[in-house]
C-alpha atoms as a PDB file:
ATOM      1  CA  UNK A   1      29.020   8.916 -18.253  1.00  0.00           C
ATOM      2  CA  UNK A   2      26.680   8.597 -21.211  1.00  0.00           C
ATOM      3  CA  UNK A   3      27.271   5.814 -23.783  1.00  0.00           C
ATOM      4  CA  UNK A   4      28.089   8.246 -26.613  1.00  0.00           C
ATOM      5  CA  UNK A   5      31.109   9.575 -24.713  1.00  0.00           C
ATOM      6  CA  UNK A   6      32.280   6.053 -23.859  1.00  0.00           C
ATOM      7  CA  UNK A   7      32.043   4.969 -27.501  1.00  0.00           C
ATOM      8  CA  UNK A   8      33.811   8.132 -28.691  1.00  0.00           C
ATOM      9  CA  UNK A   9      36.684   7.415 -26.292  1.00  0.00           C
ATOM     10  CA  UNK A  10      36.982   3.879 -27.688  1.00  0.00           C
ATOM     11  CA  UNK A  11      36.998   5.188 -31.260  1.00  0.00           C
ATOM     12  CA  UNK A  12      39.827   7.585 -30.445  1.00  0.00           C
ATOM     13  CA  UNK A  13      41.878   4.862 -28.736  1.00  0.00           C
ATOM     14  CA  UNK A  14      41.336   2.539 -31.690  1.00  0.00           C
ATOM     15  CA  UNK A  15      42.297   5.234 -34.188  1.00  0.00           C
ATOM     16  CA  UNK A  16      45.436   6.124 -32.235  1.00  0.00           C
ATOM     17  CA  UNK A  17      46.524   2.479 -32.104  1.00  0.00           C
ATOM     18  CA  UNK A  18      45.471   1.384 -35.593  1.00  0.00           C
ATOM     19  CA  UNK A  19      48.942   1.483 -37.100  1.00  0.00           C
ATOM     20  CA  UNK A  20      50.119  -1.076 -34.526  1.00  0.00           C
ATOM     21  CA  UNK A  21      47.737  -3.754 -35.815  1.00  0.00           C
ATOM     22  CA  UNK A  22      47.290  -5.583 -39.125  1.00  0.00           C
ATOM     23  CA  UNK A  23      45.119  -3.790 -41.644  1.00  0.00           C
ATOM     24  CA  UNK A  24      41.436  -4.308 -41.058  1.00  0.00           C
ATOM     25  CA  UNK A  25      38.223  -2.369 -40.642  1.00  0.00           C
ATOM     26  CA  UNK A  26      37.136  -4.091 -37.444  1.00  0.00           C
ATOM     27  CA  UNK A  27      39.682  -2.632 -35.035  1.00  0.00           C
ATOM     28  CA  UNK A  28      38.041   0.748 -34.342  1.00  0.00           C
ATOM     29  CA  UNK A  29      34.502  -0.663 -33.952  1.00  0.00           C
ATOM     30  CA  UNK A  30      35.888  -3.333 -31.609  1.00  0.00           C
ATOM     31  CA  UNK A  31      37.685  -0.669 -29.568  1.00  0.00           C
ATOM     32  CA  UNK A  32      34.443   1.314 -29.370  1.00  0.00           C
ATOM     33  CA  UNK A  33      32.607  -1.804 -28.173  1.00  0.00           C
ATOM     34  CA  UNK A  34      35.294  -2.521 -25.570  1.00  0.00           C
ATOM     35  CA  UNK A  35      34.998   1.049 -24.272  1.00  0.00           C
ATOM     36  CA  UNK A  36      31.240   0.627 -23.840  1.00  0.00           C
ATOM     37  CA  UNK A  37      31.414  -2.971 -22.582  1.00  0.00           C
ATOM     38  CA  UNK A  38      31.345  -2.379 -18.787  1.00  0.00           C
ATOM     39  CA  UNK A  39      27.829  -0.972 -19.154  1.00  0.00           C
ATOM     40  CA  UNK A  40      26.604  -4.433 -20.010  1.00  0.00           C
ATOM     41  CA  UNK A  41      25.614  -4.512 -16.343  1.00  0.00           C
ATOM     42  CA  UNK A  42      22.686  -2.228 -17.223  1.00  0.00           C
ATOM     43  CA  UNK A  43      20.811  -5.488 -17.681  1.00  0.00           C
ATOM     44  CA  UNK A  44      20.170  -5.334 -13.920  1.00  0.00           C
ATOM     45  CA  UNK A  45      17.512  -2.684 -14.614  1.00  0.00           C
ATOM     46  CA  UNK A  46      15.291  -5.616 -15.550  1.00  0.00           C
ATOM     47  CA  UNK A  47      15.301  -6.594 -11.879  1.00  0.00           C
ATOM     48  CA  UNK A  48      14.201  -3.203 -10.575  1.00  0.00           C
ATOM     49  CA  UNK A  49      15.661  -0.013  -9.076  1.00  0.00           C
ATOM     50  CA  UNK A  50      17.089  -1.751  -5.999  1.00  0.00           C
ATOM     51  CA  UNK A  51      19.154  -4.143  -8.127  1.00  0.00           C
ATOM     52  CA  UNK A  52      20.319  -1.225 -10.249  1.00  0.00           C
ATOM     53  CA  UNK A  53      21.478   0.676  -7.154  1.00  0.00           C
ATOM     54  CA  UNK A  54      23.349  -2.347  -5.825  1.00  0.00           C
ATOM     55  CA  UNK A  55      24.964  -3.769  -8.949  1.00  0.00           C
ATOM     56  CA  UNK A  56      25.340  -1.059 -11.596  1.00  0.00           C
ATOM     57  CA  UNK A  57      28.931   0.206 -11.826  1.00  0.00           C
ATOM     58  CA  UNK A  58      29.993  -2.806  -9.826  1.00  0.00           C
ATOM     59  CA  UNK A  59      32.008  -5.829 -10.905  1.00  0.00           C
ATOM     60  CA  UNK A  60      31.976  -5.080 -14.644  1.00  0.00           C
ATOM     61  CA  UNK A  61      33.311  -1.615 -13.790  1.00  0.00           C
ATOM     62  CA  UNK A  62      36.156  -2.913 -11.652  1.00  0.00           C
ATOM     63  CA  UNK A  63      39.825  -3.193 -12.556  1.00  0.00           C
ATOM     64  CA  UNK A  64      39.658  -6.979 -12.233  1.00  0.00           C
ATOM     65  CA  UNK A  65      36.297  -7.447 -13.917  1.00  0.00           C
ATOM     66  CA  UNK A  66      37.316  -5.144 -16.735  1.00  0.00           C
ATOM     67  CA  UNK A  67      40.510  -7.126 -17.272  1.00  0.00           C
ATOM     68  CA  UNK A  68      38.535 -10.385 -17.500  1.00  0.00           C
ATOM     69  CA  UNK A  69      36.116  -8.888 -20.028  1.00  0.00           C
ATOM     70  CA  UNK A  70      38.960  -7.400 -22.088  1.00  0.00           C
ATOM     71  CA  UNK A  71      40.746 -10.763 -22.192  1.00  0.00           C
ATOM     72  CA  UNK A  72      37.572 -12.625 -23.183  1.00  0.00           C
ATOM     73  CA  UNK A  73      36.896 -10.164 -25.986  1.00  0.00           C
ATOM     74  CA  UNK A  74      40.533 -10.365 -27.155  1.00  0.00           C
ATOM     75  CA  UNK A  75      40.434 -14.159 -27.059  1.00  0.00           C
ATOM     76  CA  UNK A  76      37.228 -14.341 -29.110  1.00  0.00           C
ATOM     77  CA  UNK A  77      38.451 -11.804 -31.664  1.00  0.00           C
ATOM     78  CA  UNK A  78      41.816 -13.564 -32.022  1.00  0.00           C
ATOM     79  CA  UNK A  79      40.027 -16.790 -32.974  1.00  0.00           C
ATOM     80  CA  UNK A  80      38.608 -15.043 -36.055  1.00  0.00           C
ATOM     81  CA  UNK A  81      41.399 -12.530 -36.740  1.00  0.00           C
ATOM     82  CA  UNK A  82      44.400 -14.801 -36.611  1.00  0.00           C
ATOM     83  CA  UNK A  83      46.878 -12.203 -37.892  1.00  0.00           C
ATOM     84  CA  UNK A  84      46.620 -10.179 -34.709  1.00  0.00           C
ATOM     85  CA  UNK A  85      48.487 -10.887 -31.474  1.00  0.00           C
ATOM     86  CA  UNK A  86      46.262 -11.880 -28.533  1.00  0.00           C
ATOM     87  CA  UNK A  87      48.330 -10.007 -25.940  1.00  0.00           C
ATOM     88  CA  UNK A  88      48.327  -6.818 -28.009  1.00  0.00           C
ATOM     89  CA  UNK A  89      44.571  -7.054 -28.471  1.00  0.00           C
ATOM     90  CA  UNK A  90      44.112  -7.506 -24.721  1.00  0.00           C
ATOM     91  CA  UNK A  91      46.170  -4.392 -23.971  1.00  0.00           C
ATOM     92  CA  UNK A  92      44.135  -2.345 -26.447  1.00  0.00           C
ATOM     93  CA  UNK A  93      40.786  -3.557 -25.137  1.00  0.00           C
ATOM     94  CA  UNK A  94      41.832  -3.126 -21.524  1.00  0.00           C
ATOM     95  CA  UNK A  95      42.866   0.475 -22.239  1.00  0.00           C
ATOM     96  CA  UNK A  96      39.397   0.992 -23.693  1.00  0.00           C
ATOM     97  CA  UNK A  97      37.817  -0.492 -20.561  1.00  0.00           C
ATOM     98  CA  UNK A  98      40.003   1.744 -18.389  1.00  0.00           C
ATOM     99  CA  UNK A  99      38.758   4.754 -20.344  1.00  0.00           C
ATOM    100  CA  UNK A 100      35.241   3.723 -19.350  1.00  0.00           C
ATOM    101  CA  UNK A 101      36.206   3.463 -15.688  1.00  0.00           C
ATOM    102  CA  UNK A 102      37.912   6.837 -15.847  1.00  0.00           C
ATOM    103  CA  UNK A 103      34.899   8.535 -17.426  1.00  0.00           C
ATOM    104  CA  UNK A 104      32.597   7.062 -14.787  1.00  0.00           C
ATOM    105  CA  UNK A 105      34.890   7.989 -11.897  1.00  0.00           C
ATOM    106  CA  UNK A 106      34.856  11.662 -12.867  1.00  0.00           C
ATOM    107  CA  UNK A 107      31.073  11.830 -12.337  1.00  0.00           C
ATOM    108  CA  UNK A 108      29.253  11.899  -9.002  1.00  0.00           C
ATOM    109  CA  UNK A 109      27.652   8.437  -9.143  1.00  0.00           C
ATOM    110  CA  UNK A 110      30.619   6.466  -7.844  1.00  0.00           C
ATOM    111  CA  UNK A 111      32.239   3.376  -9.373  1.00  0.00           C
ATOM    112  CA  UNK A 112      33.273   0.125  -7.672  1.00  0.00           C
ATOM    113  CA  UNK A 113      36.658  -0.187  -9.338  1.00  0.00           C
ATOM    114  CA  UNK A 114      38.044  -2.355  -6.511  1.00  0.00           C
ATOM    115  CA  UNK A 115      35.332  -5.005  -6.539  1.00  0.00           C
ATOM    116  CA  UNK A 116      35.155  -7.835  -5.579  1.00  0.00           C
ATOM    117  CA  UNK A 117      37.734  -6.958  -2.908  1.00  0.00           C
ATOM    118  CA  UNK A 118      36.086  -3.738  -1.743  1.00  0.00           C
ATOM    119  CA  UNK A 119      32.661  -2.111  -2.087  1.00  0.00           C
ATOM    120  CA  UNK A 120      34.185   1.381  -1.968  1.00  0.00           C
ATOM    121  CA  UNK A 121      32.755   3.549  -4.740  1.00  0.00           C
ATOM    122  CA  UNK A 122      35.361   5.878  -6.230  1.00  0.00           C
ATOM    123  CA  UNK A 123      34.380   9.322  -7.473  1.00  0.00           C
ATOM    124  CA  UNK A 124      36.314  12.473  -8.385  1.00  0.00           C
ATOM    125  CA  UNK A 125      33.398  14.685  -9.462  1.00  0.00           C
ATOM    126  CA  UNK A 126      34.527  17.053 -12.181  1.00  0.00           C
ATOM    127  CA  UNK A 127      32.218  16.418 -15.156  1.00  0.00           C
ATOM    128  CA  UNK A 128      28.412  16.269 -15.203  1.00  0.00           C
ATOM    129  CA  UNK A 129      26.879  12.997 -16.342  1.00  0.00           C
ATOM    130  CA  UNK A 130      25.972  14.720 -19.637  1.00  0.00           C
ATOM    131  CA  UNK A 131      28.541  17.233 -20.873  1.00  0.00           C
ATOM    132  CA  UNK A 132      27.778  18.455 -24.407  1.00  0.00           C
ATOM    133  CA  UNK A 133      31.072  20.340 -24.845  1.00  0.00           C
ATOM    134  CA  UNK A 134      33.163  17.358 -23.751  1.00  0.00           C
ATOM    135  CA  UNK A 135      31.208  14.786 -25.724  1.00  0.00           C
ATOM    136  CA  UNK A 136      30.876  16.797 -28.940  1.00  0.00           C
ATOM    137  CA  UNK A 137      34.599  17.586 -28.940  1.00  0.00           C
ATOM    138  CA  UNK A 138      35.501  13.897 -28.679  1.00  0.00           C
ATOM    139  CA  UNK A 139      32.902  12.877 -31.268  1.00  0.00           C
ATOM    140  CA  UNK A 140      34.028  15.592 -33.704  1.00  0.00           C
ATOM    141  CA  UNK A 141      37.679  14.582 -33.470  1.00  0.00           C
ATOM    142  CA  UNK A 142      36.735  10.935 -33.991  1.00  0.00           C
ATOM    143  CA  UNK A 143      34.559  11.676 -37.027  1.00  0.00           C
ATOM    144  CA  UNK A 144      37.106  14.000 -38.650  1.00  0.00           C
ATOM    145  CA  UNK A 145      39.808  11.406 -38.023  1.00  0.00           C
ATOM    146  CA  UNK A 146      37.707   8.791 -39.822  1.00  0.00           C
ATOM    147  CA  UNK A 147      37.245  11.138 -42.793  1.00  0.00           C
ATOM    148  CA  UNK A 148      40.917  12.168 -42.946  1.00  0.00           C
ATOM    149  CA  UNK A 149      43.035   9.009 -42.583  1.00  0.00           C
ATOM    150  CA  UNK A 150      46.313  10.893 -43.045  1.00  0.00           C
ATOM    151  CA  UNK A 151      45.603  13.023 -39.967  1.00  0.00           C
ATOM    152  CA  UNK A 152      43.814  10.290 -38.030  1.00  0.00           C
ATOM    153  CA  UNK A 153      46.508   9.557 -35.480  1.00  0.00           C
ATOM    154  CA  UNK A 154      47.166  13.227 -34.675  1.00  0.00           C
ATOM    155  CA  UNK A 155      43.458  13.932 -34.293  1.00  0.00           C
ATOM    156  CA  UNK A 156      42.975  10.851 -32.135  1.00  0.00           C
ATOM    157  CA  UNK A 157      45.903  11.838 -29.948  1.00  0.00           C
ATOM    158  CA  UNK A 158      44.407  15.318 -29.586  1.00  0.00           C
ATOM    159  CA  UNK A 159      41.114  13.693 -28.591  1.00  0.00           C
ATOM    160  CA  UNK A 160      42.803  11.610 -25.917  1.00  0.00           C
ATOM    161  CA  UNK A 161      44.477  14.746 -24.565  1.00  0.00           C
ATOM    162  CA  UNK A 162      41.032  16.369 -24.325  1.00  0.00           C
ATOM    163  CA  UNK A 163      39.706  13.208 -22.676  1.00  0.00           C
ATOM    164  CA  UNK A 164      42.147  13.734 -19.795  1.00  0.00           C
ATOM    165  CA  UNK A 165      42.606  17.497 -19.803  1.00  0.00           C
ATOM    166  CA  UNK A 166      38.959  18.616 -19.674  1.00  0.00           C
ATOM    167  CA  UNK A 167      38.190  16.778 -16.398  1.00  0.00           C
ATOM    168  CA  UNK A 168      41.487  18.003 -14.915  1.00  0.00           C
ATOM    169  CA  UNK A 169      40.607  21.594 -15.829  1.00  0.00           C
ATOM    170  CA  UNK A 170      37.072  21.195 -14.505  1.00  0.00           C
ATOM    171  CA  UNK A 171      38.344  19.645 -11.266  1.00  0.00           C
ATOM    172  CA  UNK A 172      40.561  22.690 -10.762  1.00  0.00           C
ATOM    173  CA  UNK A 173      37.588  24.979 -11.339  1.00  0.00           C
ATOM    174  CA  UNK A 174      35.691  22.946  -8.745  1.00  0.00           C
ATOM    175  CA  UNK A 175      38.389  23.586  -6.150  1.00  0.00           C
ATOM    176  CA  UNK A 176      38.114  27.328  -6.778  1.00  0.00           C
ATOM    177  CA  UNK A 177      34.322  27.129  -6.492  1.00  0.00           C
ATOM    178  CA  UNK A 178      34.569  25.218  -3.191  1.00  0.00           C
ATOM    179  CA  UNK A 179      36.803  27.878  -1.666  1.00  0.00           C
ATOM    180  CA  UNK A 180      34.611  30.662  -3.015  1.00  0.00           C
ATOM    181  CA  UNK A 181      31.412  29.038  -1.748  1.00  0.00           C
ATOM    182  CA  UNK A 182      32.883  28.539   1.723  1.00  0.00           C
ATOM    183  CA  UNK A 183      33.833  32.206   1.886  1.00  0.00           C
ATOM    184  CA  UNK A 184      30.388  33.315   0.725  1.00  0.00           C
ATOM    185  CA  UNK A 185      28.659  31.068   3.271  1.00  0.00           C
ATOM    186  CA  UNK A 186      30.874  32.481   6.025  1.00  0.00           C
ATOM    187  CA  UNK A 187      29.905  35.962   4.858  1.00  0.00           C
ATOM    188  CA  UNK A 188      26.267  34.993   5.368  1.00  0.00           C
ATOM    189  CA  UNK A 189      27.024  33.879   8.914  1.00  0.00           C
ATOM    190  CA  UNK A 190      26.834  30.161   8.139  1.00  0.00           C
ATOM    191  CA  UNK A 191      29.286  28.066  10.139  1.00  0.00           C
ATOM    192  CA  UNK A 192      29.773  24.785   8.320  1.00  0.00           C
ATOM    193  CA  UNK A 193      31.967  21.762   8.970  1.00  0.00           C
ATOM    194  CA  UNK A 194      32.756  21.183   5.301  1.00  0.00           C
ATOM    195  CA  UNK A 195      31.824  22.245   1.792  1.00  0.00           C
ATOM    196  CA  UNK A 196      31.590  19.837  -1.139  1.00  0.00           C
ATOM    197  CA  UNK A 197      31.065  20.925  -4.728  1.00  0.00           C
ATOM    198  CA  UNK A 198      29.805  18.762  -7.558  1.00  0.00           C
ATOM    199  CA  UNK A 199      29.361  19.545 -11.252  1.00  0.00           C
ATOM    200  CA  UNK A 200      25.826  20.320 -12.320  1.00  0.00           C
ATOM    201  CA  UNK A 201      24.355  20.609 -15.799  1.00  0.00           C
ATOM    202  CA  UNK A 202      26.569  22.845 -17.953  1.00  0.00           C
ATOM    203  CA  UNK A 203      29.583  22.493 -15.683  1.00  0.00           C
ATOM    204  CA  UNK A 204      32.144  23.955 -15.352  1.00  0.00           C
ATOM    205  CA  UNK A 205      29.840  26.993 -15.364  1.00  0.00           C
ATOM    206  CA  UNK A 206      27.308  25.515 -12.916  1.00  0.00           C
ATOM    207  CA  UNK A 207      28.272  23.879  -9.625  1.00  0.00           C
ATOM    208  CA  UNK A 208      26.210  22.347  -6.846  1.00  0.00           C
ATOM    209  CA  UNK A 209      27.362  23.180  -3.317  1.00  0.00           C
ATOM    210  CA  UNK A 210      26.611  20.931  -0.319  1.00  0.00           C
ATOM    211  CA  UNK A 211      27.578  22.317   3.086  1.00  0.00           C
ATOM    212  CA  UNK A 212      27.580  20.120   6.193  1.00  0.00           C
ATOM    213  CA  UNK A 213      26.238  21.798   9.322  1.00  0.00           C
ATOM    214  CA  UNK A 214      26.330  18.747  11.575  1.00  0.00           C
ATOM    215  CA  UNK A 215      22.662  17.813  11.864  1.00  0.00           C
ATOM    216  CA  UNK A 216      21.665  19.366   8.550  1.00  0.00           C
ATOM    217  CA  UNK A 217      22.884  20.060   5.026  1.00  0.00           C
ATOM    218  CA  UNK A 218      22.722  23.293   3.087  1.00  0.00           C
ATOM    219  CA  UNK A 219      22.167  22.935  -0.646  1.00  0.00           C
ATOM    220  CA  UNK A 220      23.044  25.843  -2.882  1.00  0.00           C
ATOM    221  CA  UNK A 221      25.025  26.512  -6.021  1.00  0.00           C
ATOM    222  CA  UNK A 222      27.441  28.843  -7.733  1.00  0.00           C
ATOM    223  CA  UNK A 223      27.780  29.844 -11.354  1.00  0.00           C
ATOM    224  CA  UNK A 224      30.931  31.292 -12.830  1.00  0.00           C
ATOM    225  CA  UNK A 225      28.821  33.964 -14.479  1.00  0.00           C
ATOM    226  CA  UNK A 226      28.020  35.268 -10.950  1.00  0.00           C
ATOM    227  CA  UNK A 227      30.921  34.090  -8.765  1.00  0.00           C
ATOM    228  CA  UNK A 228      30.093  36.536  -5.964  1.00  0.00           C
ATOM    229  CA  UNK A 229      26.536  35.314  -5.397  1.00  0.00           C
ATOM    230  CA  UNK A 230      25.291  31.973  -4.130  1.00  0.00           C
ATOM    231  CA  UNK A 231      22.045  30.553  -5.450  1.00  0.00           C
ATOM    232  CA  UNK A 232      19.174  30.425  -2.907  1.00  0.00           C
ATOM    233  CA  UNK A 233      20.105  28.194   0.027  1.00  0.00           C
ATOM    234  CA  UNK A 234      17.881  25.227   0.868  1.00  0.00           C
ATOM    235  CA  UNK A 235      18.151  23.406   4.198  1.00  0.00           C
ATOM    236  CA  UNK A 236      17.684  19.663   4.649  1.00  0.00           C
ATOM    237  CA  UNK A 237      17.545  17.524   7.762  1.00  0.00           C
ATOM    238  CA  UNK A 238      20.403  15.032   7.640  1.00  0.00           C
ATOM    239  CA  UNK A 239      19.279  11.401   7.656  1.00  0.00           C
ATOM    240  CA  UNK A 240      20.292   9.425  10.704  1.00  0.00           C
ATOM    241  CA  UNK A 241      22.348   6.490   9.459  1.00  0.00           C
ATOM    242  CA  UNK A 242      21.518   4.594  12.659  1.00  0.00           C
ATOM    243  CA  UNK A 243      17.834   4.940  11.762  1.00  0.00           C
ATOM    244  CA  UNK A 244      18.512   3.606   8.273  1.00  0.00           C
ATOM    245  CA  UNK A 245      20.456   0.664   9.724  1.00  0.00           C
ATOM    246  CA  UNK A 246      17.586  -0.081  12.109  1.00  0.00           C
ATOM    247  CA  UNK A 247      15.173  -0.123   9.185  1.00  0.00           C
ATOM    248  CA  UNK A 248      17.728  -2.246   7.330  1.00  0.00           C
ATOM    249  CA  UNK A 249      17.206  -5.007   9.872  1.00  0.00           C
ATOM    250  CA  UNK A 250      13.621  -5.181   8.614  1.00  0.00           C
ATOM    251  CA  UNK A 251      14.370  -4.608   4.904  1.00  0.00           C
ATOM    252  CA  UNK A 252      17.993  -4.793   3.612  1.00  0.00           C
ATOM    253  CA  UNK A 253      17.413  -2.012   1.062  1.00  0.00           C
ATOM    254  CA  UNK A 254      17.815   0.550   3.856  1.00  0.00           C
ATOM    255  CA  UNK A 255      21.264  -0.786   4.782  1.00  0.00           C
ATOM    256  CA  UNK A 256      22.240  -0.741   1.115  1.00  0.00           C
ATOM    257  CA  UNK A 257      21.046   2.853   0.978  1.00  0.00           C
ATOM    258  CA  UNK A 258      23.521   3.754   3.729  1.00  0.00           C
ATOM    259  CA  UNK A 259      26.308   2.281   1.603  1.00  0.00           C
ATOM    260  CA  UNK A 260      25.110   3.922  -1.602  1.00  0.00           C
ATOM    261  CA  UNK A 261      24.366   7.496  -0.546  1.00  0.00           C
ATOM    262  CA  UNK A 262      26.755  10.377   0.054  1.00  0.00           C
ATOM    263  CA  UNK A 263      24.462  13.082   1.452  1.00  0.00           C
ATOM    264  CA  UNK A 264      21.301  11.345   2.685  1.00  0.00           C
ATOM    265  CA  UNK A 265      18.520  13.638   3.879  1.00  0.00           C
ATOM    266  CA  UNK A 266      15.061  12.855   5.192  1.00  0.00           C
ATOM    267  CA  UNK A 267      11.580  14.272   5.591  1.00  0.00           C
ATOM    268  CA  UNK A 268       8.767  12.802   7.678  1.00  0.00           C
ATOM    269  CA  UNK A 269       4.998  12.955   7.651  1.00  0.00           C
ATOM    270  CA  UNK A 270       2.663  11.604  10.358  1.00  0.00           C
ATOM    271  CA  UNK A 271      -0.930  10.467   9.836  1.00  0.00           C
ATOM    272  CA  UNK A 272      -3.421   8.557  12.048  1.00  0.00           C
ATOM    273  CA  UNK A 273      -2.510   5.409  10.100  1.00  0.00           C
ATOM    274  CA  UNK A 274       1.195   5.784  10.875  1.00  0.00           C
ATOM    275  CA  UNK A 275       4.008   7.761   9.331  1.00  0.00           C
ATOM    276  CA  UNK A 276       6.148   7.989   6.236  1.00  0.00           C
ATOM    277  CA  UNK A 277       9.836   8.789   6.186  1.00  0.00           C
ATOM    278  CA  UNK A 278      11.348   9.716   2.836  1.00  0.00           C
ATOM    279  CA  UNK A 279      15.079   9.553   2.212  1.00  0.00           C
ATOM    280  CA  UNK A 280      16.858  11.275  -0.664  1.00  0.00           C
ATOM    281  CA  UNK A 281      20.481  11.881  -1.614  1.00  0.00           C
ATOM    282  CA  UNK A 282      21.537  15.453  -2.381  1.00  0.00           C
ATOM    283  CA  UNK A 283      23.943  13.958  -4.891  1.00  0.00           C
ATOM    284  CA  UNK A 284      20.965  13.509  -7.237  1.00  0.00           C
ATOM    285  CA  UNK A 285      19.340  16.903  -6.663  1.00  0.00           C
ATOM    286  CA  UNK A 286      20.174  19.434  -9.354  1.00  0.00           C
ATOM    287  CA  UNK A 287      20.465  23.170  -8.828  1.00  0.00           C
ATOM    288  CA  UNK A 288      20.313  24.080 -12.511  1.00  0.00           C
ATOM    289  CA  UNK A 289      16.640  24.899 -13.246  1.00  0.00           C
ATOM    290  CA  UNK A 290      16.911  23.323 -16.686  1.00  0.00           C
ATOM    291  CA  UNK A 291      17.302  19.884 -15.092  1.00  0.00           C
ATOM    292  CA  UNK A 292      14.098  20.347 -13.112  1.00  0.00           C
ATOM    293  CA  UNK A 293      12.279  21.348 -16.293  1.00  0.00           C
ATOM    294  CA  UNK A 294      13.484  18.253 -18.132  1.00  0.00           C
ATOM    295  CA  UNK A 295      13.300  15.723 -15.301  1.00  0.00           C
ATOM    296  CA  UNK A 296      10.487  17.213 -13.223  1.00  0.00           C
ATOM    297  CA  UNK A 297      10.402  17.278  -9.404  1.00  0.00           C
ATOM    298  CA  UNK A 298      11.260  13.582  -8.968  1.00  0.00           C
ATOM    299  CA  UNK A 299      14.656  12.783  -7.445  1.00  0.00           C
ATOM    300  CA  UNK A 300      16.379   9.531  -8.519  1.00  0.00           C
ATOM    301  CA  UNK A 301      16.997   6.907  -5.835  1.00  0.00           C
ATOM    302  CA  UNK A 302      14.334   8.075  -3.389  1.00  0.00           C
ATOM    303  CA  UNK A 303      13.528   5.597  -0.634  1.00  0.00           C
ATOM    304  CA  UNK A 304      10.325   5.900   1.416  1.00  0.00           C
ATOM    305  CA  UNK A 305       9.488   3.921   4.558  1.00  0.00           C
ATOM    306  CA  UNK A 306       5.836   3.414   5.521  1.00  0.00           C
ATOM    307  CA  UNK A 307       5.526   2.785   9.252  1.00  0.00           C
ATOM    308  CA  UNK A 308       2.556   1.717  11.370  1.00  0.00           C
ATOM    309  CA  UNK A 309       1.607   3.707  14.531  1.00  0.00           C
ATOM    310  CA  UNK A 310       4.025   1.550  16.547  1.00  0.00           C
ATOM    311  CA  UNK A 311       6.907   2.514  14.227  1.00  0.00           C
ATOM    312  CA  UNK A 312       7.193  -0.904  12.568  1.00  0.00           C
ATOM    313  CA  UNK A 313       7.979  -0.989   8.856  1.00  0.00           C
ATOM    314  CA  UNK A 314       4.959  -1.962   6.759  1.00  0.00           C
ATOM    315  CA  UNK A 315       6.509  -1.511   3.326  1.00  0.00           C
ATOM    316  CA  UNK A 316       9.095   0.517   1.466  1.00  0.00           C
ATOM    317  CA  UNK A 317       8.990   2.216  -1.909  1.00  0.00           C
ATOM    318  CA  UNK A 318      12.246   2.649  -3.816  1.00  0.00           C
ATOM    319  CA  UNK A 319      12.014   4.820  -6.902  1.00  0.00           C
ATOM    320  CA  UNK A 320      14.014   6.238  -9.732  1.00  0.00           C
ATOM    321  CA  UNK A 321      12.609   8.637 -12.289  1.00  0.00           C
ATOM    322  CA  UNK A 322       9.819   6.723 -14.005  1.00  0.00           C
ATOM    323  CA  UNK A 323      10.471   3.479 -12.071  1.00  0.00           C
ATOM    324  CA  UNK A 324       9.362   2.313  -8.641  1.00  0.00           C
ATOM    325  CA  UNK A 325       9.612  -0.896  -6.644  1.00  0.00           C
ATOM    326  CA  UNK A 326       7.576  -1.886  -3.593  1.00  0.00           C
ATOM    327  CA  UNK A 327       9.638  -3.748  -0.995  1.00  0.00           C
ATOM    328  CA  UNK A 328       8.113  -5.683   1.880  1.00  0.00           C
ATOM    329  CA  UNK A 329       9.903  -6.197   5.214  1.00  0.00           C
ATOM    330  CA  UNK A 330      11.411  -9.609   5.904  1.00  0.00           C
ATOM    331  CA  UNK A 331       8.695 -10.511   8.460  1.00  0.00           C
ATOM    332  CA  UNK A 332       5.950  -9.882   5.886  1.00  0.00           C
ATOM    333  CA  UNK A 333       7.562 -12.327   3.459  1.00  0.00           C
ATOM    334  CA  UNK A 334       7.473 -15.272   5.833  1.00  0.00           C
END
């Protein structure tokens, strides 16, 4: 989720709990910082897109890592604010961290909440990564609560209800959309193994639909303004995970890509000098045309393999929007 929403959640938690702590102006800002704190791992962007893919939303976004950070922050604050109880501070800050984990888990990216014990990335997609209605509601309640101290706790409590209720409502809408999309695909004669829906920009009105056909994926969408009509269907060749693992023996980024992606697809192009194979994840393809206008045609986390005529990996290019990293195979580095 975006940092504004994380900070707003921390403000609301701090406002709701303020009467349980000694008087002081620092509590709410500290709660806001604690709610943002797991995103300190964004520093890995300095080491390139591959490091970002591997480590963002990892240990600092885990239940254990979050607890350690919350305790460290509580310990440091208690050294300067001696009137406050360390254990109570820890509970407050850990609740703020948990709000961060929750907000990230309801998006499509996936969050490693069980690290370092498991690399499983948890996701219950119900809210788009940027949700103006959700964010502005939380921000408004936090600001009004700051301006009206007498109503602060009630407004903060209302904000925390919205924090939980909006994703629950949107998740329910997503289940309806999944069933509707499956019926519409069947009506078009498409036999699919499964249908997955994910929130797109301006969800819960816009939903991306990914249908698994075995060796291919169908990408379409459904809007609640036209629930009886699917958006134009696009077909993608499903990436062979065995092929990615084979390339991973030459450059580990391909094996990490298997772990990271949900709906990997591929396209290939052959030239006299060799061939290129480009892998993308449908998770990062938007169906709302506004996203394409803002972001352009680039798809985040695109991985391209450049192969010689014998099929050996020469180099790889891993790119996000506006960032790219050239990766050489292990043999080339020796």
